[in-house]
């Protein structure tokens, strides 16, 4: 299991979840020998890191200068576009 490193600064957060979800979280936490709080905290931190990694990769991929825009005159007409099929 992924364990988020403990920082010296932690916040308490209250969340609302369904009874079924709470039951699942308790069972999953027991399986992993951790608390529900640490389980959910790890899940949120993992999502945060995945999201950050995605956006960093996107920023590296995105060209540094805009691509030249094509004007409407250089686009295919409707009949030309349908002929391609």
N, C-alpha and C. Protein backbone atom coordinates (compact mmCIF):
# COMPACT_ATOMS: atom_id res chain seq x y z
N UNK A 1 0.83 -1.19 0.00
CA UNK A 1 0.00 0.00 0.00
C UNK A 1 0.87 1.24 0.00
N UNK A 2 0.38 2.26 -0.65
CA UNK A 2 1.05 3.55 -0.66
C UNK A 2 0.86 4.21 0.69
N UNK A 3 1.91 4.66 1.29
CA UNK A 3 1.82 5.40 2.54
C UNK A 3 2.39 6.79 2.32
N UNK A 4 1.57 7.77 2.52
CA UNK A 4 2.03 9.14 2.36
C UNK A 4 2.96 9.49 3.50
N UNK A 5 4.05 10.17 3.19
CA UNK A 5 4.95 10.56 4.27
C UNK A 5 4.25 11.54 5.20
N UNK A 6 4.51 11.37 6.47
CA UNK A 6 3.90 12.27 7.44
C UNK A 6 4.64 13.59 7.43
N UNK A 7 3.91 14.64 7.28
CA UNK A 7 4.55 15.96 7.32
C UNK A 7 4.40 16.51 8.73
N UNK A 8 5.14 17.53 9.01
CA UNK A 8 5.04 18.13 10.34
C UNK A 8 3.78 18.97 10.45
N UNK A 9 3.12 19.19 9.35
CA UNK A 9 1.93 20.03 9.32
C UNK A 9 0.81 19.22 8.71
N UNK A 10 -0.20 18.91 9.49
CA UNK A 10 -1.35 18.16 8.98
C UNK A 10 -2.63 18.87 9.35
N UNK A 11 -3.64 18.70 8.51
CA UNK A 11 -4.93 19.33 8.76
C UNK A 11 -5.99 18.26 8.93
N UNK A 12 -6.94 18.53 9.77
CA UNK A 12 -8.11 17.67 9.90
C UNK A 12 -9.17 18.17 8.94
N UNK A 13 -9.82 17.24 8.27
CA UNK A 13 -10.86 17.57 7.30
C UNK A 13 -12.06 16.67 7.59
N UNK A 14 -13.24 17.23 7.53
CA UNK A 14 -14.46 16.45 7.70
C UNK A 14 -15.06 16.21 6.33
N UNK A 15 -15.44 14.96 6.06
CA UNK A 15 -16.06 14.64 4.77
C UNK A 15 -17.38 13.91 5.02
N UNK A 16 -18.26 13.98 4.06
CA UNK A 16 -19.52 13.25 4.14
C UNK A 16 -19.49 12.16 3.09
N UNK A 17 -19.73 10.93 3.53
CA UNK A 17 -19.78 9.79 2.62
C UNK A 17 -20.96 8.91 3.00
N UNK A 18 -21.37 8.07 2.08
CA UNK A 18 -22.50 7.19 2.35
C UNK A 18 -22.11 6.13 3.38
N UNK A 19 -23.10 5.52 3.99
CA UNK A 19 -22.84 4.44 4.95
C UNK A 19 -22.09 3.29 4.29
N UNK A 20 -22.47 2.98 3.05
CA UNK A 20 -21.81 1.90 2.33
C UNK A 20 -20.32 2.21 2.11
N UNK A 21 -20.03 3.46 1.75
CA UNK A 21 -18.65 3.87 1.53
C UNK A 21 -17.86 3.84 2.83
N UNK A 22 -18.48 4.28 3.91
CA UNK A 22 -17.82 4.26 5.21
C UNK A 22 -17.50 2.83 5.63
N UNK A 23 -18.42 1.92 5.39
CA UNK A 23 -18.20 0.51 5.71
C UNK A 23 -17.03 -0.04 4.91
N UNK A 24 -17.00 0.29 3.60
CA UNK A 24 -15.90 -0.17 2.76
C UNK A 24 -14.56 0.39 3.27
N UNK A 25 -14.55 1.69 3.61
CA UNK A 25 -13.32 2.33 4.07
C UNK A 25 -12.82 1.70 5.37
N UNK A 26 -13.73 1.40 6.29
CA UNK A 26 -13.33 0.75 7.55
C UNK A 26 -12.73 -0.63 7.28
N UNK A 27 -13.38 -1.38 6.40
CA UNK A 27 -12.90 -2.72 6.07
C UNK A 27 -11.53 -2.65 5.39
N UNK A 28 -11.38 -1.73 4.43
CA UNK A 28 -10.12 -1.56 3.70
C UNK A 28 -9.00 -1.11 4.64
N UNK A 29 -9.31 -0.20 5.54
CA UNK A 29 -8.31 0.27 6.51
C UNK A 29 -7.87 -0.88 7.42
N UNK A 30 -8.82 -1.70 7.84
CA UNK A 30 -8.47 -2.85 8.69
C UNK A 30 -7.58 -3.83 7.93
N UNK A 31 -7.89 -4.07 6.65
CA UNK A 31 -7.06 -4.96 5.84
C UNK A 31 -5.63 -4.45 5.72
N UNK A 32 -5.48 -3.14 5.67
CA UNK A 32 -4.16 -2.54 5.49
C UNK A 32 -3.54 -2.10 6.80
N UNK A 33 -4.18 -2.46 7.91
CA UNK A 33 -3.66 -2.17 9.25
C UNK A 33 -3.35 -0.68 9.43
N UNK A 34 -4.32 0.13 9.06
CA UNK A 34 -4.17 1.58 9.19
C UNK A 34 -5.51 2.17 9.62
N UNK A 35 -5.55 3.44 9.83
CA UNK A 35 -6.81 4.10 10.19
C UNK A 35 -7.52 4.57 8.92
N UNK A 36 -8.81 4.80 9.05
CA UNK A 36 -9.58 5.32 7.92
C UNK A 36 -9.02 6.69 7.53
N UNK A 37 -8.64 7.47 8.51
CA UNK A 37 -8.09 8.79 8.24
C UNK A 37 -6.83 8.70 7.38
N UNK A 38 -5.92 7.82 7.73
CA UNK A 38 -4.68 7.66 6.94
C UNK A 38 -4.98 7.07 5.56
N UNK A 39 -5.93 6.15 5.50
CA UNK A 39 -6.31 5.55 4.23
C UNK A 39 -6.82 6.62 3.26
N UNK A 40 -7.78 7.41 3.72
CA UNK A 40 -8.37 8.45 2.87
C UNK A 40 -7.33 9.53 2.57
N UNK A 41 -6.53 9.90 3.55
CA UNK A 41 -5.48 10.90 3.32
C UNK A 41 -4.51 10.44 2.25
N UNK A 42 -4.13 9.16 2.29
CA UNK A 42 -3.23 8.62 1.27
C UNK A 42 -3.86 8.63 -0.11
N UNK A 43 -5.16 8.32 -0.17
CA UNK A 43 -5.87 8.32 -1.46
C UNK A 43 -5.92 9.74 -2.04
N UNK A 44 -6.21 10.70 -1.21
CA UNK A 44 -6.29 12.09 -1.68
C UNK A 44 -4.91 12.57 -2.13
N UNK A 45 -3.89 12.25 -1.34
CA UNK A 45 -2.54 12.68 -1.71
C UNK A 45 -2.10 12.02 -3.02
N UNK A 46 -2.44 10.76 -3.21
CA UNK A 46 -2.08 10.05 -4.45
C UNK A 46 -2.76 10.72 -5.64
N UNK A 47 -4.04 11.07 -5.50
CA UNK A 47 -4.76 11.76 -6.58
C UNK A 47 -4.12 13.12 -6.86
N UNK A 48 -3.73 13.81 -5.81
CA UNK A 48 -3.09 15.12 -5.98
C UNK A 48 -1.80 14.97 -6.78
N UNK A 49 -0.99 13.98 -6.43
CA UNK A 49 0.29 13.77 -7.13
C UNK A 49 0.07 13.35 -8.58
N UNK A 50 -0.91 12.48 -8.81
CA UNK A 50 -1.22 12.08 -10.19
C UNK A 50 -1.65 13.28 -11.01
N UNK A 51 -2.48 14.11 -10.43
CA UNK A 51 -2.96 15.30 -11.12
C UNK A 51 -1.80 16.25 -11.40
N UNK A 52 -0.94 16.47 -10.41
CA UNK A 52 0.21 17.35 -10.60
C UNK A 52 1.14 16.80 -11.67
N UNK A 53 1.39 15.49 -11.66
CA UNK A 53 2.25 14.87 -12.67
C UNK A 53 1.67 15.06 -14.06
N UNK A 54 0.35 14.90 -14.17
CA UNK A 54 -0.31 15.07 -15.47
C UNK A 54 -0.09 16.49 -15.99
N UNK A 55 -0.36 17.48 -15.15
CA UNK A 55 -0.26 18.86 -15.61
C UNK A 55 1.18 19.25 -15.91
N UNK A 56 2.12 18.73 -15.15
CA UNK A 56 3.53 19.01 -15.44
C UNK A 56 3.92 18.41 -16.79
N UNK A 57 3.48 17.19 -17.05
CA UNK A 57 3.77 16.55 -18.34
C UNK A 57 3.09 17.33 -19.48
N UNK A 58 1.88 17.79 -19.24
CA UNK A 58 1.17 18.57 -20.26
C UNK A 58 1.93 19.85 -20.57
N UNK A 59 2.40 20.52 -19.53
CA UNK A 59 3.14 21.77 -19.74
C UNK A 59 4.43 21.53 -20.51
N UNK A 60 5.10 20.41 -20.25
CA UNK A 60 6.32 20.08 -21.00
C UNK A 60 6.00 19.78 -22.46
N UNK A 61 4.85 19.13 -22.69
CA UNK A 61 4.47 18.74 -24.04
C UNK A 61 4.01 19.93 -24.87
N UNK A 62 3.25 20.80 -24.23
CA UNK A 62 2.65 21.92 -24.95
C UNK A 62 3.74 22.76 -25.61
N UNK A 63 3.55 23.08 -26.88
CA UNK A 63 4.57 23.89 -27.56
C UNK A 63 4.74 25.26 -26.89
N UNK A 64 5.94 25.74 -26.90
CA UNK A 64 6.21 27.03 -26.26
C UNK A 64 5.68 28.20 -27.08
N UNK A 65 5.52 28.00 -28.36
CA UNK A 65 4.95 29.07 -29.19
C UNK A 65 3.69 28.55 -29.87
N UNK A 66 2.72 29.39 -30.07
CA UNK A 66 1.46 28.92 -30.67
C UNK A 66 1.67 28.42 -32.10
N UNK A 67 0.89 27.45 -32.48
CA UNK A 67 0.92 26.93 -33.84
C UNK A 67 0.23 27.93 -34.76
N UNK A 68 0.68 28.04 -35.99
CA UNK A 68 0.03 28.99 -36.90
C UNK A 68 -1.42 28.56 -37.14
N UNK A 69 -2.30 29.50 -37.03
CA UNK A 69 -3.73 29.21 -37.23
C UNK A 69 -4.03 29.10 -38.72
N UNK A 70 -4.87 28.17 -39.03
CA UNK A 70 -5.31 28.02 -40.42
C UNK A 70 -6.56 28.87 -40.62
N UNK A 71 -6.57 29.62 -41.68
CA UNK A 71 -7.73 30.44 -41.97
C UNK A 71 -8.84 29.61 -42.57
N UNK A 72 -10.03 30.14 -42.59
CA UNK A 72 -11.19 29.42 -43.11
C UNK A 72 -11.02 29.11 -44.60
N UNK A 73 -10.25 29.90 -45.32
CA UNK A 73 -10.07 29.67 -46.76
C UNK A 73 -9.25 28.41 -47.04
N UNK A 74 -8.43 27.98 -46.09
CA UNK A 74 -7.60 26.79 -46.33
C UNK A 74 -8.28 25.50 -45.86
N UNK A 75 -9.46 25.62 -45.31
CA UNK A 75 -10.19 24.41 -44.87
C UNK A 75 -10.92 23.78 -46.05
N UNK A 76 -11.21 22.48 -45.91
CA UNK A 76 -11.98 21.80 -46.95
C UNK A 76 -13.44 22.24 -46.89
N UNK A 77 -14.06 22.20 -48.02
CA UNK A 77 -15.49 22.49 -48.05
C UNK A 77 -16.24 21.27 -47.51
N UNK A 78 -17.50 21.41 -47.23
CA UNK A 78 -18.31 20.29 -46.74
C UNK A 78 -18.31 19.12 -47.71
N UNK A 79 -18.57 19.36 -49.01
CA UNK A 79 -18.54 18.24 -49.95
C UNK A 79 -17.17 17.56 -50.01
N UNK A 80 -16.09 18.33 -49.97
CA UNK A 80 -14.74 17.74 -50.00
C UNK A 80 -14.50 16.85 -48.77
N UNK A 81 -14.95 17.31 -47.64
CA UNK A 81 -14.76 16.54 -46.40
C UNK A 81 -15.53 15.22 -46.48
N UNK A 82 -16.74 15.25 -47.05
CA UNK A 82 -17.55 14.03 -47.14
C UNK A 82 -17.03 13.08 -48.21
N UNK A 83 -16.35 13.59 -49.21
CA UNK A 83 -15.77 12.74 -50.26
C UNK A 83 -14.64 11.88 -49.71
N UNK A 84 -13.99 12.31 -48.66
CA UNK A 84 -12.85 11.59 -48.09
C UNK A 84 -13.25 10.27 -47.49
N UNK A 85 -14.49 10.11 -47.13
CA UNK A 85 -14.93 8.88 -46.46
C UNK A 85 -14.94 7.75 -47.38
